Amino acid sequence: MLKLTDGQRAVLVQSFPAVGHLAVGGLVFGQFLRDQSYSLLLAAAGIAIWIVFVTWAVVLAGGKLWIRR
């Protein structure tokens, strides 16, 4: 298990959503700037990456996710 200080955790909590936003911007909305047809697979990958990074930020911040097991 990775042990983080409060400062390290705060930086990661702020950075992870930003990285997720870059993934969505590049893979979902960036496709409109190219000459090829729109790819739903790339769009889904961008949304999945965004979900992963935002989830990590919530978990690192000490929040609880509402996932049933």
PDB file of N, CA and C in Angstrom:
ATOM      1  N   MET A   1       0.842  -1.180   0.000  1.00  0.00           N
ATOM      2  CA  MET A   1       0.000   0.000   0.000  1.00  0.00           C
ATOM      3  C   MET A   1       0.883   1.238   0.000  1.00  0.00           C
ATOM      4  N   LEU A   2       0.501   2.215  -0.779  1.00  0.00           N
ATOM      5  CA  LEU A   2       1.252   3.445  -0.898  1.00  0.00           C
ATOM      6  C   LEU A   2       0.899   4.376   0.260  1.00  0.00           C
ATOM      7  N   LYS A   3       1.901   4.813   0.985  1.00  0.00           N
ATOM      8  CA  LYS A   3       1.692   5.742   2.103  1.00  0.00           C
ATOM      9  C   LYS A   3       1.949   7.160   1.617  1.00  0.00           C
ATOM     10  N   LEU A   4       0.956   8.025   1.707  1.00  0.00           N
ATOM     11  CA  LEU A   4       1.072   9.406   1.261  1.00  0.00           C
ATOM     12  C   LEU A   4       0.925  10.355   2.438  1.00  0.00           C
ATOM     13  N   THR A   5       1.677  11.439   2.384  1.00  0.00           N
ATOM     14  CA  THR A   5       1.503  12.483   3.380  1.00  0.00           C
ATOM     15  C   THR A   5       0.255  13.291   3.005  1.00  0.00           C
ATOM     16  N   ASP A   6      -0.206  14.125   3.906  1.00  0.00           N
ATOM     17  CA  ASP A   6      -1.388  14.940   3.617  1.00  0.00           C
ATOM     18  C   ASP A   6      -1.148  15.876   2.436  1.00  0.00           C
ATOM     19  N   GLY A   7       0.071  16.423   2.330  1.00  0.00           N
ATOM     20  CA  GLY A   7       0.400  17.307   1.215  1.00  0.00           C
ATOM     21  C   GLY A   7       0.398  16.582  -0.121  1.00  0.00           C
ATOM     22  N   GLN A   8       0.979  15.388  -0.147  1.00  0.00           N
ATOM     23  CA  GLN A   8       0.995  14.594  -1.374  1.00  0.00           C
ATOM     24  C   GLN A   8      -0.423  14.212  -1.786  1.00  0.00           C
ATOM     25  N   ARG A   9      -1.214  13.841  -0.813  1.00  0.00           N
ATOM     26  CA  ARG A   9      -2.598  13.461  -1.099  1.00  0.00           C
ATOM     27  C   ARG A   9      -3.381  14.657  -1.659  1.00  0.00           C
ATOM     28  N   ALA A  10      -3.151  15.844  -1.119  1.00  0.00           N
ATOM     29  CA  ALA A  10      -3.846  17.040  -1.594  1.00  0.00           C
ATOM     30  C   ALA A  10      -3.471  17.359  -3.039  1.00  0.00           C
ATOM     31  N   VAL A  11      -2.194  17.199  -3.374  1.00  0.00           N
ATOM     32  CA  VAL A  11      -1.761  17.455  -4.747  1.00  0.00           C
ATOM     33  C   VAL A  11      -2.394  16.453  -5.706  1.00  0.00           C
ATOM     34  N   LEU A  12      -2.426  15.191  -5.332  1.00  0.00           N
ATOM     35  CA  LEU A  12      -3.027  14.178  -6.193  1.00  0.00           C
ATOM     36  C   LEU A  12      -4.528  14.389  -6.357  1.00  0.00           C
ATOM     37  N   VAL A  13      -5.190  14.765  -5.284  1.00  0.00           N
ATOM     38  CA  VAL A  13      -6.637  14.995  -5.343  1.00  0.00           C
ATOM     39  C   VAL A  13      -6.943  16.138  -6.304  1.00  0.00           C
ATOM     40  N   GLN A  14      -6.087  17.143  -6.359  1.00  0.00           N
ATOM     41  CA  GLN A  14      -6.301  18.256  -7.272  1.00  0.00           C
ATOM     42  C   GLN A  14      -5.883  17.922  -8.697  1.00  0.00           C
ATOM     43  N   SER A  15      -4.895  17.066  -8.868  1.00  0.00           N
ATOM     44  CA  SER A  15      -4.346  16.775 -10.192  1.00  0.00           C
ATOM     45  C   SER A  15      -5.124  15.719 -10.963  1.00  0.00           C
ATOM     46  N   PHE A  16      -5.634  14.702 -10.290  1.00  0.00           N
ATOM     47  CA  PHE A  16      -6.300  13.611 -10.990  1.00  0.00           C
ATOM     48  C   PHE A  16      -7.502  14.063 -11.818  1.00  0.00           C
ATOM     49  N   PRO A  17      -8.396  14.897 -11.288  1.00  0.00           N
ATOM     50  CA  PRO A  17      -9.504  15.340 -12.153  1.00  0.00           C
ATOM     51  C   PRO A  17      -9.010  16.129 -13.368  1.00  0.00           C
ATOM     52  N   ALA A  18      -7.937  16.899 -13.218  1.00  0.00           N
ATOM     53  CA  ALA A  18      -7.402  17.656 -14.351  1.00  0.00           C
ATOM     54  C   ALA A  18      -6.891  16.725 -15.440  1.00  0.00           C
ATOM     55  N   VAL A  19      -6.245  15.638 -15.053  1.00  0.00           N
ATOM     56  CA  VAL A  19      -5.772  14.657 -16.026  1.00  0.00           C
ATOM     57  C   VAL A  19      -6.966  13.990 -16.714  1.00  0.00           C
ATOM     58  N   GLY A  20      -8.007  13.707 -15.953  1.00  0.00           N
ATOM     59  CA  GLY A  20      -9.220  13.149 -16.540  1.00  0.00           C
ATOM     60  C   GLY A  20      -9.857  14.099 -17.540  1.00  0.00           C
ATOM     61  N   HIS A  21      -9.866  15.384 -17.226  1.00  0.00           N
ATOM     62  CA  HIS A  21     -10.429  16.377 -18.144  1.00  0.00           C
ATOM     63  C   HIS A  21      -9.620  16.440 -19.442  1.00  0.00           C
ATOM     64  N   LEU A  22      -8.302  16.298 -19.345  1.00  0.00           N
ATOM     65  CA  LEU A  22      -7.466  16.264 -20.549  1.00  0.00           C
ATOM     66  C   LEU A  22      -7.793  15.045 -21.409  1.00  0.00           C
ATOM     67  N   ALA A  23      -8.026  13.917 -20.771  1.00  0.00           N
ATOM     68  CA  ALA A  23      -8.366  12.703 -21.522  1.00  0.00           C
ATOM     69  C   ALA A  23      -9.686  12.872 -22.257  1.00  0.00           C
ATOM     70  N   VAL A  24     -10.682  13.416 -21.582  1.00  0.00           N
ATOM     71  CA  VAL A  24     -11.976  13.645 -22.230  1.00  0.00           C
ATOM     72  C   VAL A  24     -11.823  14.658 -23.357  1.00  0.00           C
ATOM     73  N   GLY A  25     -11.085  15.717 -23.108  1.00  0.00           N
ATOM     74  CA  GLY A  25     -10.895  16.736 -24.139  1.00  0.00           C
ATOM     75  C   GLY A  25     -10.204  16.189 -25.370  1.00  0.00           C
ATOM     76  N   GLY A  26      -9.171  15.398 -25.158  1.00  0.00           N
ATOM     77  CA  GLY A  26      -8.426  14.863 -26.288  1.00  0.00           C
ATOM     78  C   GLY A  26      -9.131  13.756 -27.027  1.00  0.00           C
ATOM     79  N   LEU A  27      -9.730  12.845 -26.298  1.00  0.00           N
ATOM     80  CA  LEU A  27     -10.301  11.658 -26.930  1.00  0.00           C
ATOM     81  C   LEU A  27     -11.764  11.815 -27.347  1.00  0.00           C
ATOM     82  N   VAL A  28     -12.501  12.688 -26.696  1.00  0.00           N
ATOM     83  CA  VAL A  28     -13.910  12.865 -27.041  1.00  0.00           C
ATOM     84  C   VAL A  28     -14.086  14.088 -27.939  1.00  0.00           C
ATOM     85  N   PHE A  29     -13.694  15.248 -27.446  1.00  0.00           N
ATOM     86  CA  PHE A  29     -13.938  16.485 -28.188  1.00  0.00           C
ATOM     87  C   PHE A  29     -12.863  16.767 -29.232  1.00  0.00           C
ATOM     88  N   GLY A  30     -11.658  16.268 -29.035  1.00  0.00           N
ATOM     89  CA  GLY A  30     -10.583  16.474 -30.006  1.00  0.00           C
ATOM     90  C   GLY A  30     -10.837  15.794 -31.339  1.00  0.00           C
ATOM     91  N   GLN A  31     -11.707  14.826 -31.363  1.00  0.00           N
ATOM     92  CA  GLN A  31     -12.021  14.124 -32.608  1.00  0.00           C
ATOM     93  C   GLN A  31     -12.719  15.028 -33.629  1.00  0.00           C
ATOM     94  N   PHE A  32     -13.354  16.081 -33.158  1.00  0.00           N
ATOM     95  CA  PHE A  32     -14.022  16.996 -34.077  1.00  0.00           C
ATOM     96  C   PHE A  32     -13.027  17.815 -34.892  1.00  0.00           C
ATOM     97  N   LEU A  33     -11.759  17.830 -34.474  1.00  0.00           N
ATOM     98  CA  LEU A  33     -10.740  18.619 -35.156  1.00  0.00           C
ATOM     99  C   LEU A  33     -10.021  17.841 -36.242  1.00  0.00           C
ATOM    100  N   ARG A  34     -10.299  16.584 -36.393  1.00  0.00           N
ATOM    101  CA  ARG A  34      -9.608  15.774 -37.387  1.00  0.00           C
ATOM    102  C   ARG A  34     -10.512  15.503 -38.586  1.00  0.00           C
ATOM    103  N   ASP A  35      -9.888  15.037 -39.658  1.00  0.00           N
ATOM    104  CA  ASP A  35     -10.616  14.809 -40.902  1.00  0.00           C
ATOM    105  C   ASP A  35     -11.284  13.444 -40.975  1.00  0.00           C
ATOM    106  N   GLN A  36     -10.997  12.565 -40.047  1.00  0.00           N
ATOM    107  CA  GLN A  36     -11.575  11.224 -40.067  1.00  0.00           C
ATOM    108  C   GLN A  36     -12.932  11.220 -39.366  1.00  0.00           C
ATOM    109  N   SER A  37     -13.646  10.113 -39.513  1.00  0.00           N
ATOM    110  CA  SER A  37     -14.957  10.009 -38.886  1.00  0.00           C
ATOM    111  C   SER A  37     -14.818   9.856 -37.366  1.00  0.00           C
ATOM    112  N   TYR A  38     -15.894  10.163 -36.685  1.00  0.00           N
ATOM    113  CA  TYR A  38     -15.923  10.121 -35.222  1.00  0.00           C
ATOM    114  C   TYR A  38     -15.858   8.663 -34.748  1.00  0.00           C
ATOM    115  N   SER A  39     -15.025   8.388 -33.755  1.00  0.00           N
ATOM    116  CA  SER A  39     -14.867   7.034 -33.237  1.00  0.00           C
ATOM    117  C   SER A  39     -15.515   6.925 -31.860  1.00  0.00           C
ATOM    118  N   LEU A  40     -16.542   6.107 -31.762  1.00  0.00           N
ATOM    119  CA  LEU A  40     -17.193   5.891 -30.465  1.00  0.00           C
ATOM    120  C   LEU A  40     -16.270   5.158 -29.497  1.00  0.00           C
ATOM    121  N   LEU A  41     -15.373   4.331 -30.023  1.00  0.00           N
ATOM    122  CA  LEU A  41     -14.422   3.617 -29.167  1.00  0.00           C
ATOM    123  C   LEU A  41     -13.477   4.595 -28.474  1.00  0.00           C
ATOM    124  N   LEU A  42     -12.947   5.569 -29.201  1.00  0.00           N
ATOM    125  CA  LEU A  42     -12.086   6.577 -28.588  1.00  0.00           C
ATOM    126  C   LEU A  42     -12.865   7.433 -27.589  1.00  0.00           C
ATOM    127  N   ALA A  43     -14.091   7.771 -27.931  1.00  0.00           N
ATOM    128  CA  ALA A  43     -14.920   8.562 -27.019  1.00  0.00           C
ATOM    129  C   ALA A  43     -15.179   7.787 -25.731  1.00  0.00           C
ATOM    130  N   ALA A  44     -15.490   6.502 -25.849  1.00  0.00           N
ATOM    131  CA  ALA A  44     -15.726   5.667 -24.666  1.00  0.00           C
ATOM    132  C   ALA A  44     -14.458   5.531 -23.837  1.00  0.00           C
ATOM    133  N   ALA A  45     -13.312   5.417 -24.496  1.00  0.00           N
ATOM    134  CA  ALA A  45     -12.042   5.336 -23.770  1.00  0.00           C
ATOM    135  C   ALA A  45     -11.777   6.630 -23.004  1.00  0.00           C
ATOM    136  N   GLY A  46     -12.062   7.764 -23.608  1.00  0.00           N
ATOM    137  CA  GLY A  46     -11.877   9.044 -22.924  1.00  0.00           C
ATOM    138  C   GLY A  46     -12.777   9.181 -21.707  1.00  0.00           C
ATOM    139  N   ILE A  47     -14.015   8.762 -21.843  1.00  0.00           N
ATOM    140  CA  ILE A  47     -14.948   8.832 -20.712  1.00  0.00           C
ATOM    141  C   ILE A  47     -14.533   7.853 -19.618  1.00  0.00           C
ATOM    142  N   ALA A  48     -14.076   6.664 -20.005  1.00  0.00           N
ATOM    143  CA  ALA A  48     -13.629   5.677 -19.016  1.00  0.00           C
ATOM    144  C   ALA A  48     -12.402   6.178 -18.253  1.00  0.00           C
ATOM    145  N   ILE A  49     -11.463   6.786 -18.954  1.00  0.00           N
ATOM    146  CA  ILE A  49     -10.276   7.342 -18.294  1.00  0.00           C
ATOM    147  C   ILE A  49     -10.682   8.445 -17.336  1.00  0.00           C
ATOM    148  N   TRP A  50     -11.627   9.297 -17.751  1.00  0.00           N
ATOM    149  CA  TRP A  50     -12.097  10.367 -16.872  1.00  0.00           C
ATOM    150  C   TRP A  50     -12.705   9.792 -15.598  1.00  0.00           C
ATOM    151  N   ILE A  51     -13.530   8.754 -15.743  1.00  0.00           N
ATOM    152  CA  ILE A  51     -14.159   8.125 -14.577  1.00  0.00           C
ATOM    153  C   ILE A  51     -13.109   7.556 -13.635  1.00  0.00           C
ATOM    154  N   VAL A  52     -12.092   6.906 -14.183  1.00  0.00           N
ATOM    155  CA  VAL A  52     -11.027   6.322 -13.356  1.00  0.00           C
ATOM    156  C   VAL A  52     -10.305   7.407 -12.569  1.00  0.00           C
ATOM    157  N   PHE A  53      -9.900   8.479 -13.221  1.00  0.00           N
ATOM    158  CA  PHE A  53      -9.133   9.514 -12.531  1.00  0.00           C
ATOM    159  C   PHE A  53      -9.969  10.270 -11.501  1.00  0.00           C
ATOM    160  N   VAL A  54     -11.218  10.541 -11.800  1.00  0.00           N
ATOM    161  CA  VAL A  54     -12.078  11.230 -10.823  1.00  0.00           C
ATOM    162  C   VAL A  54     -12.359  10.305  -9.642  1.00  0.00           C
ATOM    163  N   THR A  55     -12.541   9.013  -9.900  1.00  0.00           N
ATOM    164  CA  THR A  55     -12.758   8.051  -8.819  1.00  0.00           C
ATOM    165  C   THR A  55     -11.540   7.980  -7.914  1.00  0.00           C
ATOM    166  N   TRP A  56     -10.353   7.943  -8.507  1.00  0.00           N
ATOM    167  CA  TRP A  56      -9.133   7.934  -7.691  1.00  0.00           C
ATOM    168  C   TRP A  56      -9.043   9.184  -6.830  1.00  0.00           C
ATOM    169  N   ALA A  57      -9.420  10.331  -7.385  1.00  0.00           N
ATOM    170  CA  ALA A  57      -9.375  11.571  -6.612  1.00  0.00           C
ATOM    171  C   ALA A  57     -10.332  11.506  -5.425  1.00  0.00           C
ATOM    172  N   VAL A  58     -11.523  10.968  -5.643  1.00  0.00           N
ATOM    173  CA  VAL A  58     -12.499  10.851  -4.552  1.00  0.00           C
ATOM    174  C   VAL A  58     -11.986   9.898  -3.473  1.00  0.00           C
ATOM    175  N   VAL A  59     -11.420   8.775  -3.886  1.00  0.00           N
ATOM    176  CA  VAL A  59     -10.910   7.795  -2.924  1.00  0.00           C
ATOM    177  C   VAL A  59      -9.736   8.385  -2.136  1.00  0.00           C
ATOM    178  N   LEU A  60      -8.824   9.073  -2.819  1.00  0.00           N
ATOM    179  CA  LEU A  60      -7.688   9.676  -2.132  1.00  0.00           C
ATOM    180  C   LEU A  60      -8.113  10.782  -1.178  1.00  0.00           C
ATOM    181  N   ALA A  61      -9.198  11.467  -1.507  1.00  0.00           N
ATOM    182  CA  ALA A  61      -9.687  12.532  -0.638  1.00  0.00           C
ATOM    183  C   ALA A  61     -10.372  11.975   0.605  1.00  0.00           C
ATOM    184  N   GLY A  62     -10.568  10.669   0.633  1.00  0.00           N
ATOM    185  CA  GLY A  62     -11.184  10.058   1.803  1.00  0.00           C
ATOM    186  C   GLY A  62     -12.678   9.890   1.677  1.00  0.00           C
ATOM    187  N   GLY A  63     -13.194  10.153   0.486  1.00  0.00           N
ATOM    188  CA  GLY A  63     -14.623   9.992   0.266  1.00  0.00           C
ATOM    189  C   GLY A  63     -14.983   8.537   0.063  1.00  0.00           C
ATOM    190  N   LYS A  64     -16.250   8.268   0.171  1.00  0.00           N
ATOM    191  CA  LYS A  64     -16.730   6.908  -0.058  1.00  0.00           C
ATOM    192  C   LYS A  64     -17.512   6.882  -1.358  1.00  0.00           C
ATOM    193  N   LEU A  65     -17.339   5.828  -2.101  1.00  0.00           N
ATOM    194  CA  LEU A  65     -18.085   5.651  -3.334  1.00  0.00           C
ATOM    195  C   LEU A  65     -19.295   4.796  -3.044  1.00  0.00           C
ATOM    196  N   TRP A  66     -20.349   5.025  -3.794  1.00  0.00           N
ATOM    197  CA  TRP A  66     -21.577   4.272  -3.596  1.00  0.00           C
ATOM    198  C   TRP A  66     -21.625   3.090  -4.545  1.00  0.00           C
ATOM    199  N   ILE A  67     -20.690   2.200  -4.381  1.00  0.00           N
ATOM    200  CA  ILE A  67     -20.624   1.004  -5.213  1.00  0.00           C
ATOM    201  C   ILE A  67     -21.041  -0.188  -4.362  1.00  0.00           C
ATOM    202  N   ARG A  68     -22.042  -0.905  -4.815  1.00  0.00           N
ATOM    203  CA  ARG A  68     -22.486  -2.090  -4.080  1.00  0.00           C
ATOM    204  C   ARG A  68     -21.690  -3.296  -4.529  1.00  0.00           C
ATOM    205  N   ARG A  69     -21.339  -4.127  -3.605  1.00  0.00           N
ATOM    206  CA  ARG A  69     -20.586  -5.331  -3.933  1.00  0.00           C
ATOM    207  C   ARG A  69     -21.437  -6.531  -3.727  1.00  0.00           C
TER     208      ARG A  69
END
